[in-house]
Amino acid sequence: HWYKESTINPGTATESETNKHNEEAATRNAQ
C-alpha cells in the first residue's frame, strides 16, 4: 500500500503518535 497517505496534526499528536507516523512514512517511502 505504497500510495497510502498518513496524516497527523503536529499540534495535538503525542510523541508516540509522531514516532509511529514517522515510521509509517519511512516505510511508505521505501515501498
PDB file of all heavy atoms in Angstrom:
ATOM      1  N   HIS A   1       0.846  -1.192   0.000  1.00  0.00           N
ATOM      2  CA  HIS A   1       0.000   0.000   0.000  1.00  0.00           C
ATOM      3  C   HIS A   1       0.886   1.249   0.000  1.00  0.00           C
ATOM      4  O   HIS A   1       0.751   2.136   0.850  1.00  0.00           O
ATOM      5  CB  HIS A   1      -0.936   0.001   1.210  1.00  0.00           C
ATOM      6  CG  HIS A   1      -1.948  -1.097   1.186  1.00  0.00           C
ATOM      7  ND1 HIS A   1      -1.648  -2.388   1.569  1.00  0.00           N
ATOM      8  CD2 HIS A   1      -3.249  -1.106   0.785  1.00  0.00           C
ATOM      9  CE1 HIS A   1      -2.734  -3.151   1.439  1.00  0.00           C
ATOM     10  NE2 HIS A   1      -3.702  -2.399   0.959  1.00  0.00           N
ATOM     11  N   TRP A   2       1.773   1.339  -0.979  1.00  0.00           N
ATOM     12  CA  TRP A   2       2.719   2.448  -1.056  1.00  0.00           C
ATOM     13  C   TRP A   2       2.031   3.798  -1.241  1.00  0.00           C
ATOM     14  O   TRP A   2       2.598   4.845  -0.943  1.00  0.00           O
ATOM     15  CB  TRP A   2       3.681   2.222  -2.226  1.00  0.00           C
ATOM     16  CG  TRP A   2       2.998   2.043  -3.543  1.00  0.00           C
ATOM     17  CD1 TRP A   2       2.654   0.870  -4.131  1.00  0.00           C
ATOM     18  CD2 TRP A   2       2.546   3.079  -4.421  1.00  0.00           C
ATOM     19  NE1 TRP A   2       2.018   1.100  -5.329  1.00  0.00           N
ATOM     20  CE2 TRP A   2       1.937   2.452  -5.533  1.00  0.00           C
ATOM     21  CE3 TRP A   2       2.593   4.476  -4.383  1.00  0.00           C
ATOM     22  CZ2 TRP A   2       1.382   3.168  -6.573  1.00  0.00           C
ATOM     23  CZ3 TRP A   2       2.041   5.198  -5.426  1.00  0.00           C
ATOM     24  CH2 TRP A   2       1.445   4.544  -6.508  1.00  0.00           C
ATOM     25  N   TYR A   3       0.806   3.788  -1.714  1.00  0.00           N
ATOM     26  CA  TYR A   3       0.082   5.013  -2.057  1.00  0.00           C
ATOM     27  C   TYR A   3      -0.660   5.623  -0.869  1.00  0.00           C
ATOM     28  O   TYR A   3      -1.237   6.714  -0.990  1.00  0.00           O
ATOM     29  CB  TYR A   3      -0.922   4.721  -3.174  1.00  0.00           C
ATOM     30  CG  TYR A   3      -1.736   3.478  -2.897  1.00  0.00           C
ATOM     31  CD1 TYR A   3      -2.852   3.509  -2.080  1.00  0.00           C
ATOM     32  CD2 TYR A   3      -1.359   2.254  -3.447  1.00  0.00           C
ATOM     33  CE1 TYR A   3      -3.572   2.357  -1.816  1.00  0.00           C
ATOM     34  CE2 TYR A   3      -2.070   1.106  -3.191  1.00  0.00           C
ATOM     35  CZ  TYR A   3      -3.174   1.153  -2.379  1.00  0.00           C
ATOM     36  OH  TYR A   3      -3.873   0.010  -2.113  1.00  0.00           O
ATOM     37  N   LYS A   4      -0.674   4.949   0.268  1.00  0.00           N
ATOM     38  CA  LYS A   4      -1.383   5.450   1.437  1.00  0.00           C
ATOM     39  C   LYS A   4      -0.717   6.732   1.946  1.00  0.00           C
ATOM     40  O   LYS A   4       0.495   6.789   2.108  1.00  0.00           O
ATOM     41  CB  LYS A   4      -1.395   4.401   2.554  1.00  0.00           C
ATOM     42  CG  LYS A   4      -2.201   3.153   2.241  1.00  0.00           C
ATOM     43  CD  LYS A   4      -3.695   3.427   2.298  1.00  0.00           C
ATOM     44  CE  LYS A   4      -4.497   2.139   2.158  1.00  0.00           C
ATOM     45  NZ  LYS A   4      -5.959   2.373   2.222  1.00  0.00           N
ATOM     46  N   GLU A   5      -1.525   7.742   2.204  1.00  0.00           N
ATOM     47  CA  GLU A   5      -1.024   8.988   2.762  1.00  0.00           C
ATOM     48  C   GLU A   5      -1.470   9.093   4.217  1.00  0.00           C
ATOM     49  O   GLU A   5      -2.661   9.144   4.511  1.00  0.00           O
ATOM     50  CB  GLU A   5      -1.551  10.186   1.973  1.00  0.00           C
ATOM     51  CG  GLU A   5      -1.071  10.247   0.535  1.00  0.00           C
ATOM     52  CD  GLU A   5      -1.582  11.476  -0.181  1.00  0.00           C
ATOM     53  OE1 GLU A   5      -1.170  12.592   0.198  1.00  0.00           O
ATOM     54  OE2 GLU A   5      -2.412  11.325  -1.107  1.00  0.00           O
ATOM     55  N   SER A   6      -0.512   9.085   5.122  1.00  0.00           N
ATOM     56  CA  SER A   6      -0.829   9.201   6.544  1.00  0.00           C
ATOM     57  C   SER A   6      -0.753  10.668   6.950  1.00  0.00           C
ATOM     58  O   SER A   6       0.162  11.389   6.559  1.00  0.00           O
ATOM     59  CB  SER A   6       0.148   8.383   7.385  1.00  0.00           C
ATOM     60  OG  SER A   6       1.477   8.773   7.124  1.00  0.00           O
ATOM     61  N   THR A   7      -1.748  11.106   7.697  1.00  0.00           N
ATOM     62  CA  THR A   7      -1.806  12.497   8.140  1.00  0.00           C
ATOM     63  C   THR A   7      -1.725  12.556   9.659  1.00  0.00           C
ATOM     64  O   THR A   7      -2.135  11.626  10.361  1.00  0.00           O
ATOM     65  CB  THR A   7      -3.109  13.168   7.682  1.00  0.00           C
ATOM     66  OG1 THR A   7      -4.235  12.416   8.206  1.00  0.00           O
ATOM     67  CG2 THR A   7      -3.195  13.201   6.161  1.00  0.00           C
ATOM     68  N   ILE A   8      -1.193  13.654  10.129  1.00  0.00           N
ATOM     69  CA  ILE A   8      -1.051  13.840  11.568  1.00  0.00           C
ATOM     70  C   ILE A   8      -1.092  15.334  11.873  1.00  0.00           C
ATOM     71  O   ILE A   8      -0.628  16.160  11.069  1.00  0.00           O
ATOM     72  CB  ILE A   8       0.274  13.225  12.079  1.00  0.00           C
ATOM     73  CG1 ILE A   8       0.318  13.230  13.604  1.00  0.00           C
ATOM     74  CG2 ILE A   8       1.474  13.945  11.505  1.00  0.00           C
ATOM     75  CD1 ILE A   8       1.504  12.489  14.178  1.00  0.00           C
ATOM     76  N   ASN A   9      -1.670  15.673  12.998  1.00  0.00           N
ATOM     77  CA  ASN A   9      -1.720  17.069  13.443  1.00  0.00           C
ATOM     78  C   ASN A   9      -0.573  17.305  14.416  1.00  0.00           C
ATOM     79  O   ASN A   9      -0.611  16.822  15.550  1.00  0.00           O
ATOM     80  CB  ASN A   9      -3.059  17.364  14.122  1.00  0.00           C
ATOM     81  CG  ASN A   9      -3.239  18.843  14.423  1.00  0.00           C
ATOM     82  OD1 ASN A   9      -2.268  19.601  14.477  1.00  0.00           O
ATOM     83  ND2 ASN A   9      -4.472  19.261  14.630  1.00  0.00           N
ATOM     84  N   PRO A  10       0.459  18.013  14.013  1.00  0.00           N
ATOM     85  CA  PRO A  10       1.628  18.204  14.888  1.00  0.00           C
ATOM     86  C   PRO A  10       1.288  18.885  16.207  1.00  0.00           C
ATOM     87  O   PRO A  10       1.965  18.682  17.210  1.00  0.00           O
ATOM     88  CB  PRO A  10       2.556  19.097  14.039  1.00  0.00           C
ATOM     89  CG  PRO A  10       2.099  18.906  12.627  1.00  0.00           C
ATOM     90  CD  PRO A  10       0.620  18.677  12.712  1.00  0.00           C
ATOM     91  N   GLY A  11       0.205  19.677  16.183  1.00  0.00           N
ATOM     92  CA  GLY A  11      -0.130  20.413  17.398  1.00  0.00           C
ATOM     93  C   GLY A  11      -0.763  19.552  18.475  1.00  0.00           C
ATOM     94  O   GLY A  11      -0.661  19.878  19.671  1.00  0.00           O
ATOM     95  N   THR A  12      -1.443  18.474  18.099  1.00  0.00           N
ATOM     96  CA  THR A  12      -2.154  17.644  19.078  1.00  0.00           C
ATOM     97  C   THR A  12      -1.582  16.239  19.198  1.00  0.00           C
ATOM     98  O   THR A  12      -1.940  15.512  20.126  1.00  0.00           O
ATOM     99  CB  THR A  12      -3.636  17.547  18.676  1.00  0.00           C
ATOM    100  OG1 THR A  12      -3.741  16.959  17.373  1.00  0.00           O
ATOM    101  CG2 THR A  12      -4.286  18.925  18.666  1.00  0.00           C
ATOM    102  N   ALA A  13      -0.724  15.847  18.296  1.00  0.00           N
ATOM    103  CA  ALA A  13      -0.175  14.487  18.312  1.00  0.00           C
ATOM    104  C   ALA A  13       0.797  14.299  19.471  1.00  0.00           C
ATOM    105  O   ALA A  13       1.587  15.194  19.798  1.00  0.00           O
ATOM    106  CB  ALA A  13       0.532  14.196  16.997  1.00  0.00           C
ATOM    107  N   THR A  14       0.706  13.116  20.073  1.00  0.00           N
ATOM    108  CA  THR A  14       1.651  12.787  21.138  1.00  0.00           C
ATOM    109  C   THR A  14       2.986  12.354  20.533  1.00  0.00           C
ATOM    110  O   THR A  14       3.098  12.155  19.327  1.00  0.00           O
ATOM    111  CB  THR A  14       1.093  11.653  22.013  1.00  0.00           C
ATOM    112  OG1 THR A  14       0.959  10.469  21.204  1.00  0.00           O
ATOM    113  CG2 THR A  14      -0.261  12.028  22.589  1.00  0.00           C
ATOM    114  N   GLU A  15       3.972  12.178  21.374  1.00  0.00           N
ATOM    115  CA  GLU A  15       5.287  11.773  20.887  1.00  0.00           C
ATOM    116  C   GLU A  15       5.244  10.389  20.257  1.00  0.00           C
ATOM    117  O   GLU A  15       5.867  10.147  19.218  1.00  0.00           O
ATOM    118  CB  GLU A  15       6.297  11.789  22.040  1.00  0.00           C
ATOM    119  CG  GLU A  15       7.720  11.440  21.598  1.00  0.00           C
ATOM    120  CD  GLU A  15       8.709  11.516  22.741  1.00  0.00           C
ATOM    121  OE1 GLU A  15       8.316  11.936  23.843  1.00  0.00           O
ATOM    122  OE2 GLU A  15       9.887  11.149  22.521  1.00  0.00           O
ATOM    123  N   SER A  16       4.482   9.486  20.875  1.00  0.00           N
ATOM    124  CA  SER A  16       4.383   8.135  20.324  1.00  0.00           C
ATOM    125  C   SER A  16       3.663   8.141  18.988  1.00  0.00           C
ATOM    126  O   SER A  16       4.034   7.408  18.060  1.00  0.00           O
ATOM    127  CB  SER A  16       3.657   7.214  21.304  1.00  0.00           C
ATOM    128  OG  SER A  16       2.330   7.680  21.554  1.00  0.00           O
ATOM    129  N   GLU A  17       2.624   8.973  18.878  1.00  0.00           N
ATOM    130  CA  GLU A  17       1.903   9.080  17.607  1.00  0.00           C
ATOM    131  C   GLU A  17       2.807   9.667  16.515  1.00  0.00           C
ATOM    132  O   GLU A  17       2.761   9.231  15.370  1.00  0.00           O
ATOM    133  CB  GLU A  17       0.660   9.955  17.779  1.00  0.00           C
ATOM    134  CG  GLU A  17      -0.436   9.300  18.600  1.00  0.00           C
ATOM    135  CD  GLU A  17      -1.600  10.239  18.870  1.00  0.00           C
ATOM    136  OE1 GLU A  17      -1.394  11.473  18.786  1.00  0.00           O
ATOM    137  OE2 GLU A  17      -2.701   9.757  19.153  1.00  0.00           O
ATOM    138  N   THR A  18       3.601  10.647  16.899  1.00  0.00           N
ATOM    139  CA  THR A  18       4.530  11.254  15.942  1.00  0.00           C
ATOM    140  C   THR A  18       5.571  10.245  15.481  1.00  0.00           C
ATOM    141  O   THR A  18       5.888  10.156  14.290  1.00  0.00           O
ATOM    142  CB  THR A  18       5.234  12.469  16.570  1.00  0.00           C
ATOM    143  OG1 THR A  18       4.245  13.433  16.979  1.00  0.00           O
ATOM    144  CG2 THR A  18       6.189  13.118  15.571  1.00  0.00           C
ATOM    145  N   ASN A  19       6.100   9.474  16.427  1.00  0.00           N
ATOM    146  CA  ASN A  19       7.096   8.454  16.073  1.00  0.00           C
ATOM    147  C   ASN A  19       6.498   7.399  15.153  1.00  0.00           C
ATOM    148  O   ASN A  19       7.143   6.957  14.190  1.00  0.00           O
ATOM    149  CB  ASN A  19       7.648   7.801  17.338  1.00  0.00           C
ATOM    150  CG  ASN A  19       8.501   8.756  18.158  1.00  0.00           C
ATOM    151  OD1 ASN A  19       9.040   9.734  17.622  1.00  0.00           O
ATOM    152  ND2 ASN A  19       8.613   8.494  19.449  1.00  0.00           N
ATOM    153  N   LYS A  20       5.271   6.986  15.474  1.00  0.00           N
ATOM    154  CA  LYS A  20       4.596   5.994  14.638  1.00  0.00           C
ATOM    155  C   LYS A  20       4.357   6.542  13.233  1.00  0.00           C
ATOM    156  O   LYS A  20       4.549   5.840  12.235  1.00  0.00           O
ATOM    157  CB  LYS A  20       3.266   5.583  15.275  1.00  0.00           C
ATOM    158  CG  LYS A  20       2.525   4.515  14.491  1.00  0.00           C
ATOM    159  CD  LYS A  20       1.217   4.134  15.176  1.00  0.00           C
ATOM    160  CE  LYS A  20       0.469   3.076  14.373  1.00  0.00           C
ATOM    161  NZ  LYS A  20      -0.825   2.711  15.016  1.00  0.00           N
ATOM    162  N   HIS A  21       3.948   7.797  13.169  1.00  0.00           N
ATOM    163  CA  HIS A  21       3.724   8.442  11.873  1.00  0.00           C
ATOM    164  C   HIS A  21       5.009   8.493  11.058  1.00  0.00           C
ATOM    165  O   HIS A  21       5.008   8.190   9.856  1.00  0.00           O
ATOM    166  CB  HIS A  21       3.186   9.857  12.084  1.00  0.00           C
ATOM    167  CG  HIS A  21       3.201  10.698  10.843  1.00  0.00           C
ATOM    168  ND1 HIS A  21       2.286  10.558   9.836  1.00  0.00           N
ATOM    169  CD2 HIS A  21       4.049  11.695  10.451  1.00  0.00           C
ATOM    170  CE1 HIS A  21       2.555  11.410   8.863  1.00  0.00           C
ATOM    171  NE2 HIS A  21       3.612  12.123   9.208  1.00  0.00           N
ATOM    172  N   ASN A  22       6.096   8.844  11.704  1.00  0.00           N
ATOM    173  CA  ASN A  22       7.388   8.933  11.002  1.00  0.00           C
ATOM    174  C   ASN A  22       7.848   7.562  10.504  1.00  0.00           C
ATOM    175  O   ASN A  22       8.398   7.440   9.403  1.00  0.00           O
ATOM    176  CB  ASN A  22       8.446   9.536  11.926  1.00  0.00           C
ATOM    177  CG  ASN A  22       8.171  10.997  12.232  1.00  0.00           C
ATOM    178  OD1 ASN A  22       7.480  11.680  11.475  1.00  0.00           O
ATOM    179  ND2 ASN A  22       8.697  11.485  13.347  1.00  0.00           N
ATOM    180  N   GLU A  23       7.624   6.527  11.310  1.00  0.00           N
ATOM    181  CA  GLU A  23       7.995   5.171  10.901  1.00  0.00           C
ATOM    182  C   GLU A  23       7.161   4.717   9.705  1.00  0.00           C
ATOM    183  O   GLU A  23       7.690   4.114   8.750  1.00  0.00           O
ATOM    184  CB  GLU A  23       7.805   4.206  12.075  1.00  0.00           C
ATOM    185  CG  GLU A  23       8.802   4.412  13.214  1.00  0.00           C
ATOM    186  CD  GLU A  23       8.519   3.496  14.384  1.00  0.00           C
ATOM    187  OE1 GLU A  23       7.539   2.710  14.305  1.00  0.00           O
ATOM    188  OE2 GLU A  23       9.261   3.558  15.382  1.00  0.00           O
ATOM    189  N   GLU A  24       5.851   4.985   9.771  1.00  0.00           N
ATOM    190  CA  GLU A  24       4.982   4.609   8.656  1.00  0.00           C
ATOM    191  C   GLU A  24       5.355   5.374   7.389  1.00  0.00           C
ATOM    192  O   GLU A  24       5.357   4.803   6.284  1.00  0.00           O
ATOM    193  CB  GLU A  24       3.520   4.877   9.011  1.00  0.00           C
ATOM    194  CG  GLU A  24       2.967   3.944  10.083  1.00  0.00           C
ATOM    195  CD  GLU A  24       1.531   4.278  10.441  1.00  0.00           C
ATOM    196  OE1 GLU A  24       1.051   5.354  10.015  1.00  0.00           O
ATOM    197  OE2 GLU A  24       0.889   3.476  11.152  1.00  0.00           O
ATOM    198  N   ALA A  25       5.672   6.656   7.541  1.00  0.00           N
ATOM    199  CA  ALA A  25       6.061   7.463   6.383  1.00  0.00           C
ATOM    200  C   ALA A  25       7.348   6.935   5.760  1.00  0.00           C
ATOM    201  O   ALA A  25       7.478   6.876   4.529  1.00  0.00           O
ATOM    202  CB  ALA A  25       6.228   8.922   6.794  1.00  0.00           C
ATOM    203  N   ALA A  26       8.302   6.532   6.601  1.00  0.00           N
ATOM    204  CA  ALA A  26       9.564   5.984   6.088  1.00  0.00           C
ATOM    205  C   ALA A  26       9.322   4.666   5.352  1.00  0.00           C
ATOM    206  O   ALA A  26       9.932   4.407   4.305  1.00  0.00           O
ATOM    207  CB  ALA A  26      10.546   5.785   7.237  1.00  0.00           C
ATOM    208  N   THR A  27       8.418   3.836   5.903  1.00  0.00           N
ATOM    209  CA  THR A  27       8.087   2.565   5.255  1.00  0.00           C
ATOM    210  C   THR A  27       7.425   2.796   3.901  1.00  0.00           C
ATOM    211  O   THR A  27       7.778   2.157   2.898  1.00  0.00           O
ATOM    212  CB  THR A  27       7.163   1.727   6.155  1.00  0.00           C
ATOM    213  OG1 THR A  27       7.812   1.470   7.394  1.00  0.00           O
ATOM    214  CG2 THR A  27       6.802   0.415   5.479  1.00  0.00           C
ATOM    215  N   ARG A  28       6.452   3.718   3.866  1.00  0.00           N
ATOM    216  CA  ARG A  28       5.762   4.032   2.618  1.00  0.00           C
ATOM    217  C   ARG A  28       6.746   4.580   1.582  1.00  0.00           C
ATOM    218  O   ARG A  28       6.670   4.241   0.398  1.00  0.00           O
ATOM    219  CB  ARG A  28       4.663   5.071   2.861  1.00  0.00           C
ATOM    220  CG  ARG A  28       3.572   4.624   3.818  1.00  0.00           C
ATOM    221  CD  ARG A  28       2.730   3.520   3.228  1.00  0.00           C
ATOM    222  NE  ARG A  28       1.630   3.185   4.106  1.00  0.00           N
ATOM    223  CZ  ARG A  28       1.219   1.966   4.365  1.00  0.00           C
ATOM    224  NH1 ARG A  28       1.822   0.935   3.801  1.00  0.00           N
ATOM    225  NH2 ARG A  28       0.204   1.734   5.171  1.00  0.00           N
ATOM    226  N   ASN A  29       7.665   5.409   2.029  1.00  0.00           N
ATOM    227  CA  ASN A  29       8.636   5.989   1.103  1.00  0.00           C
ATOM    228  C   ASN A  29       9.538   4.914   0.498  1.00  0.00           C
ATOM    229  O   ASN A  29       9.831   4.925  -0.702  1.00  0.00           O
ATOM    230  CB  ASN A  29       9.478   7.038   1.821  1.00  0.00           C
ATOM    231  CG  ASN A  29      10.431   7.757   0.884  1.00  0.00           C
ATOM    232  OD1 ASN A  29      10.035   8.326  -0.119  1.00  0.00           O
ATOM    233  ND2 ASN A  29      11.717   7.731   1.222  1.00  0.00           N
ATOM    234  N   ALA A  30       9.965   3.971   1.345  1.00  0.00           N
ATOM    235  CA  ALA A  30      10.805   2.867   0.851  1.00  0.00           C
ATOM    236  C   ALA A  30      10.021   2.000  -0.129  1.00  0.00           C
ATOM    237  O   ALA A  30      10.549   1.574  -1.167  1.00  0.00           O
ATOM    238  CB  ALA A  30      11.301   2.029   2.024  1.00  0.00           C
ATOM    239  N   GLN A  31       8.744   1.727   0.199  1.00  0.00           N
ATOM    240  CA  GLN A  31       7.904   0.936  -0.698  1.00  0.00           C
ATOM    241  C   GLN A  31       7.698   1.657  -2.031  1.00  0.00           C
ATOM    242  O   GLN A  31       7.729   1.034  -3.089  1.00  0.00           O
ATOM    243  CB  GLN A  31       6.551   0.664  -0.044  1.00  0.00           C
ATOM    244  CG  GLN A  31       6.616  -0.281   1.140  1.00  0.00           C
ATOM    245  CD  GLN A  31       5.281  -0.412   1.848  1.00  0.00           C
ATOM    246  OE1 GLN A  31       4.389   0.437   1.683  1.00  0.00           O
ATOM    247  NE2 GLN A  31       5.126  -1.460   2.635  1.00  0.00           N
TER     248      GLN A  31
END
